[in-house]
Amino acid sequence: MADTILLLAGVLIFFAIVFTVLRLVLGRTVADRIAAVDLLTVISISMIALYAHVGARFIYLDVALVYGVLSFLAVVATARYLERGL
């Protein structure tokens, strides 16, 4: 049962990557592309967490947490730059 759930999570992550890359390529505005890149970082954080669970290496959860904080700061800085400049 657990293997089925992990396989389903992997498939859903794959589809999320496909649709996000489509949004990144087909996005009409810069904000669309920034949102797609931010979503790709969220997807990669979920992949790191899934790998940490499968490999029983929970130190990777710390890596995912730091990556999430850095991604948040990057999106805030980019949004501020687009809004009125740094």
N, C-alpha and C. Protein backbone atom coordinates (compact mmCIF):
# COMPACT_ATOMS: atom_id res chain seq x y z
N MET A 1 0.82 -1.19 0.00
CA MET A 1 0.00 0.00 0.00
C MET A 1 0.87 1.26 0.00
N ALA A 2 1.93 1.23 0.79
CA ALA A 2 2.80 2.40 0.86
C ALA A 2 3.54 2.61 -0.46
N ASP A 3 3.90 1.52 -1.12
CA ASP A 3 4.56 1.64 -2.42
C ASP A 3 3.64 2.27 -3.46
N THR A 4 2.36 1.94 -3.39
CA THR A 4 1.39 2.52 -4.31
C THR A 4 1.24 4.01 -4.09
N ILE A 5 1.23 4.42 -2.84
CA ILE A 5 1.10 5.84 -2.52
C ILE A 5 2.34 6.60 -2.98
N LEU A 6 3.51 6.02 -2.78
CA LEU A 6 4.74 6.67 -3.22
C LEU A 6 4.79 6.76 -4.75
N LEU A 7 4.34 5.73 -5.44
CA LEU A 7 4.29 5.76 -6.89
C LEU A 7 3.30 6.82 -7.37
N LEU A 8 2.16 6.92 -6.73
CA LEU A 8 1.17 7.94 -7.08
C LEU A 8 1.73 9.34 -6.85
N ALA A 9 2.45 9.52 -5.76
CA ALA A 9 3.07 10.83 -5.49
C ALA A 9 4.09 11.17 -6.57
N GLY A 10 4.87 10.21 -6.99
CA GLY A 10 5.84 10.44 -8.06
C GLY A 10 5.17 10.81 -9.38
N VAL A 11 4.08 10.14 -9.70
CA VAL A 11 3.36 10.43 -10.95
C VAL A 11 2.75 11.83 -10.88
N LEU A 12 2.18 12.19 -9.75
CA LEU A 12 1.60 13.52 -9.61
C LEU A 12 2.67 14.61 -9.68
N ILE A 13 3.82 14.36 -9.13
CA ILE A 13 4.92 15.32 -9.23
C ILE A 13 5.37 15.45 -10.68
N PHE A 14 5.41 14.35 -11.40
CA PHE A 14 5.77 14.40 -12.83
C PHE A 14 4.79 15.26 -13.62
N PHE A 15 3.49 15.05 -13.40
CA PHE A 15 2.50 15.85 -14.11
C PHE A 15 2.57 17.32 -13.71
N ALA A 16 2.86 17.58 -12.45
CA ALA A 16 3.02 18.97 -12.01
C ALA A 16 4.19 19.64 -12.72
N ILE A 17 5.27 18.91 -12.90
CA ILE A 17 6.42 19.45 -13.62
C ILE A 17 6.06 19.75 -15.07
N VAL A 18 5.37 18.84 -15.72
CA VAL A 18 4.99 19.03 -17.12
C VAL A 18 4.11 20.27 -17.28
N PHE A 19 3.08 20.40 -16.45
CA PHE A 19 2.18 21.54 -16.59
C PHE A 19 2.84 22.85 -16.20
N THR A 20 3.75 22.80 -15.26
CA THR A 20 4.45 24.03 -14.87
C THR A 20 5.43 24.48 -15.95
N VAL A 21 6.10 23.54 -16.58
CA VAL A 21 6.99 23.92 -17.68
C VAL A 21 6.18 24.49 -18.84
N LEU A 22 4.99 23.94 -19.08
CA LEU A 22 4.13 24.53 -20.10
C LEU A 22 3.76 25.96 -19.76
N ARG A 23 3.46 26.23 -18.49
CA ARG A 23 3.14 27.59 -18.06
C ARG A 23 4.36 28.49 -18.20
N LEU A 24 5.52 27.93 -17.93
CA LEU A 24 6.74 28.72 -18.05
C LEU A 24 7.00 29.10 -19.51
N VAL A 25 6.77 28.19 -20.41
CA VAL A 25 7.02 28.45 -21.83
C VAL A 25 5.92 29.32 -22.43
N LEU A 26 4.68 29.05 -22.09
CA LEU A 26 3.56 29.74 -22.70
C LEU A 26 3.10 30.99 -21.94
N GLY A 27 3.74 31.30 -20.83
CA GLY A 27 3.34 32.46 -20.04
C GLY A 27 3.50 33.75 -20.82
N ARG A 28 2.48 34.58 -20.77
CA ARG A 28 2.50 35.80 -21.58
C ARG A 28 3.20 36.94 -20.86
N THR A 29 3.13 36.95 -19.55
CA THR A 29 3.74 38.06 -18.81
C THR A 29 4.90 37.54 -17.97
N VAL A 30 5.68 38.48 -17.49
CA VAL A 30 6.80 38.12 -16.63
C VAL A 30 6.29 37.53 -15.32
N ALA A 31 5.17 38.04 -14.84
CA ALA A 31 4.60 37.52 -13.59
C ALA A 31 4.20 36.05 -13.73
N ASP A 32 3.67 35.67 -14.89
CA ASP A 32 3.34 34.26 -15.14
C ASP A 32 4.58 33.39 -15.06
N ARG A 33 5.65 33.85 -15.65
CA ARG A 33 6.88 33.06 -15.65
C ARG A 33 7.50 32.99 -14.27
N ILE A 34 7.42 34.07 -13.51
CA ILE A 34 7.96 34.05 -12.15
C ILE A 34 7.15 33.10 -11.28
N ALA A 35 5.83 33.11 -11.45
CA ALA A 35 4.99 32.18 -10.70
C ALA A 35 5.31 30.73 -11.07
N ALA A 36 5.60 30.48 -12.34
CA ALA A 36 5.95 29.13 -12.78
C ALA A 36 7.28 28.69 -12.19
N VAL A 37 8.25 29.59 -12.15
CA VAL A 37 9.54 29.24 -11.55
C VAL A 37 9.38 28.99 -10.06
N ASP A 38 8.56 29.79 -9.40
CA ASP A 38 8.31 29.56 -7.97
C ASP A 38 7.62 28.22 -7.75
N LEU A 39 6.71 27.87 -8.63
CA LEU A 39 6.05 26.57 -8.51
C LEU A 39 7.03 25.43 -8.77
N LEU A 40 7.97 25.63 -9.68
CA LEU A 40 8.99 24.60 -9.89
C LEU A 40 9.85 24.41 -8.65
N THR A 41 10.13 25.48 -7.92
CA THR A 41 10.89 25.30 -6.68
C THR A 41 10.06 24.56 -5.64
N VAL A 42 8.77 24.82 -5.59
CA VAL A 42 7.91 24.09 -4.65
C VAL A 42 7.87 22.61 -5.04
N ILE A 43 7.80 22.33 -6.33
CA ILE A 43 7.79 20.94 -6.79
C ILE A 43 9.11 20.26 -6.46
N SER A 44 10.21 20.97 -6.64
CA SER A 44 11.50 20.36 -6.32
C SER A 44 11.64 20.13 -4.81
N ILE A 45 11.05 21.00 -4.01
CA ILE A 45 11.05 20.77 -2.56
C ILE A 45 10.26 19.51 -2.23
N SER A 46 9.14 19.30 -2.92
CA SER A 46 8.37 18.08 -2.68
C SER A 46 9.13 16.84 -3.15
N MET A 47 9.91 16.97 -4.23
CA MET A 47 10.74 15.84 -4.67
C MET A 47 11.82 15.53 -3.65
N ILE A 48 12.42 16.56 -3.07
CA ILE A 48 13.44 16.34 -2.04
C ILE A 48 12.82 15.65 -0.83
N ALA A 49 11.63 16.09 -0.44
CA ALA A 49 10.96 15.47 0.70
C ALA A 49 10.58 14.02 0.41
N LEU A 50 10.14 13.76 -0.80
CA LEU A 50 9.80 12.38 -1.17
C LEU A 50 11.05 11.51 -1.17
N TYR A 51 12.14 12.03 -1.69
CA TYR A 51 13.40 11.28 -1.69
C TYR A 51 13.88 11.04 -0.26
N ALA A 52 13.71 12.03 0.61
CA ALA A 52 14.11 11.85 2.01
C ALA A 52 13.30 10.73 2.66
N HIS A 53 12.04 10.65 2.31
CA HIS A 53 11.20 9.59 2.88
C HIS A 53 11.58 8.22 2.32
N VAL A 54 11.75 8.14 1.01
CA VAL A 54 12.06 6.85 0.38
C VAL A 54 13.44 6.36 0.81
N GLY A 55 14.41 7.26 0.86
CA GLY A 55 15.77 6.87 1.22
C GLY A 55 16.04 6.84 2.71
N ALA A 56 15.04 7.22 3.51
CA ALA A 56 15.18 7.28 4.97
C ALA A 56 16.38 8.14 5.38
N ARG A 57 16.59 9.23 4.65
CA ARG A 57 17.64 10.19 4.94
C ARG A 57 16.97 11.52 5.26
N PHE A 58 16.57 11.68 6.51
CA PHE A 58 15.75 12.82 6.89
C PHE A 58 16.56 14.11 7.02
N ILE A 59 17.85 14.05 6.81
CA ILE A 59 18.65 15.26 6.80
C ILE A 59 18.29 16.11 5.57
N TYR A 60 17.77 15.45 4.52
CA TYR A 60 17.37 16.18 3.32
C TYR A 60 16.18 17.10 3.58
N LEU A 61 15.43 16.85 4.61
CA LEU A 61 14.34 17.75 4.95
C LEU A 61 14.86 19.12 5.37
N ASP A 62 16.03 19.16 6.00
CA ASP A 62 16.66 20.44 6.32
C ASP A 62 17.06 21.17 5.04
N VAL A 63 17.54 20.43 4.08
CA VAL A 63 17.90 21.03 2.79
C VAL A 63 16.66 21.61 2.13
N ALA A 64 15.57 20.88 2.16
CA ALA A 64 14.32 21.36 1.56
C ALA A 64 13.82 22.61 2.27
N LEU A 65 13.97 22.66 3.58
CA LEU A 65 13.54 23.83 4.33
C LEU A 65 14.35 25.07 3.96
N VAL A 66 15.64 24.93 3.89
CA VAL A 66 16.50 26.06 3.52
C VAL A 66 16.22 26.48 2.08
N TYR A 67 16.03 25.53 1.20
CA TYR A 67 15.71 25.83 -0.19
C TYR A 67 14.39 26.60 -0.29
N GLY A 68 13.42 26.23 0.52
CA GLY A 68 12.14 26.92 0.53
C GLY A 68 12.27 28.36 1.00
N VAL A 69 13.06 28.58 2.03
CA VAL A 69 13.27 29.95 2.53
C VAL A 69 13.98 30.80 1.48
N LEU A 70 15.01 30.25 0.85
CA LEU A 70 15.73 31.00 -0.18
C LEU A 70 14.83 31.28 -1.39
N SER A 71 13.99 30.34 -1.73
CA SER A 71 13.06 30.54 -2.84
C SER A 71 12.06 31.64 -2.52
N PHE A 72 11.57 31.66 -1.31
CA PHE A 72 10.64 32.70 -0.90
C PHE A 72 11.30 34.08 -0.97
N LEU A 73 12.51 34.18 -0.48
CA LEU A 73 13.22 35.46 -0.53
C LEU A 73 13.48 35.90 -1.97
N ALA A 74 13.79 34.97 -2.83
CA ALA A 74 14.04 35.32 -4.23
C ALA A 74 12.77 35.82 -4.91
N VAL A 75 11.64 35.20 -4.63
CA VAL A 75 10.39 35.65 -5.24
C VAL A 75 9.98 37.02 -4.70
N VAL A 76 10.18 37.26 -3.43
CA VAL A 76 9.86 38.56 -2.86
C VAL A 76 10.75 39.64 -3.46
N ALA A 77 12.03 39.35 -3.61
CA ALA A 77 12.94 40.33 -4.20
C ALA A 77 12.59 40.59 -5.66
N THR A 78 12.23 39.56 -6.40
CA THR A 78 11.86 39.75 -7.79
C THR A 78 10.56 40.54 -7.92
N ALA A 79 9.61 40.25 -7.07
CA ALA A 79 8.35 40.99 -7.11
C ALA A 79 8.57 42.45 -6.76
N ARG A 80 9.42 42.70 -5.80
CA ARG A 80 9.71 44.08 -5.43
C ARG A 80 10.43 44.80 -6.58
N TYR A 81 11.33 44.13 -7.24
CA TYR A 81 12.02 44.72 -8.38
C TYR A 81 11.05 45.06 -9.51
N LEU A 82 10.13 44.15 -9.79
CA LEU A 82 9.18 44.39 -10.86
C LEU A 82 8.19 45.50 -10.50
N GLU A 83 7.85 45.60 -9.23
CA GLU A 83 6.88 46.60 -8.80
C GLU A 83 7.44 48.01 -8.83
N ARG A 84 8.61 48.22 -8.27
CA ARG A 84 9.14 49.59 -8.19
C ARG A 84 10.65 49.68 -8.20
N GLY A 85 11.32 48.61 -8.38
CA GLY A 85 12.77 48.62 -8.41
C GLY A 85 13.36 48.46 -7.03
N LEU A 86 14.59 47.99 -6.96
CA LEU A 86 15.23 47.76 -5.68
C LEU A 86 15.79 49.02 -5.15
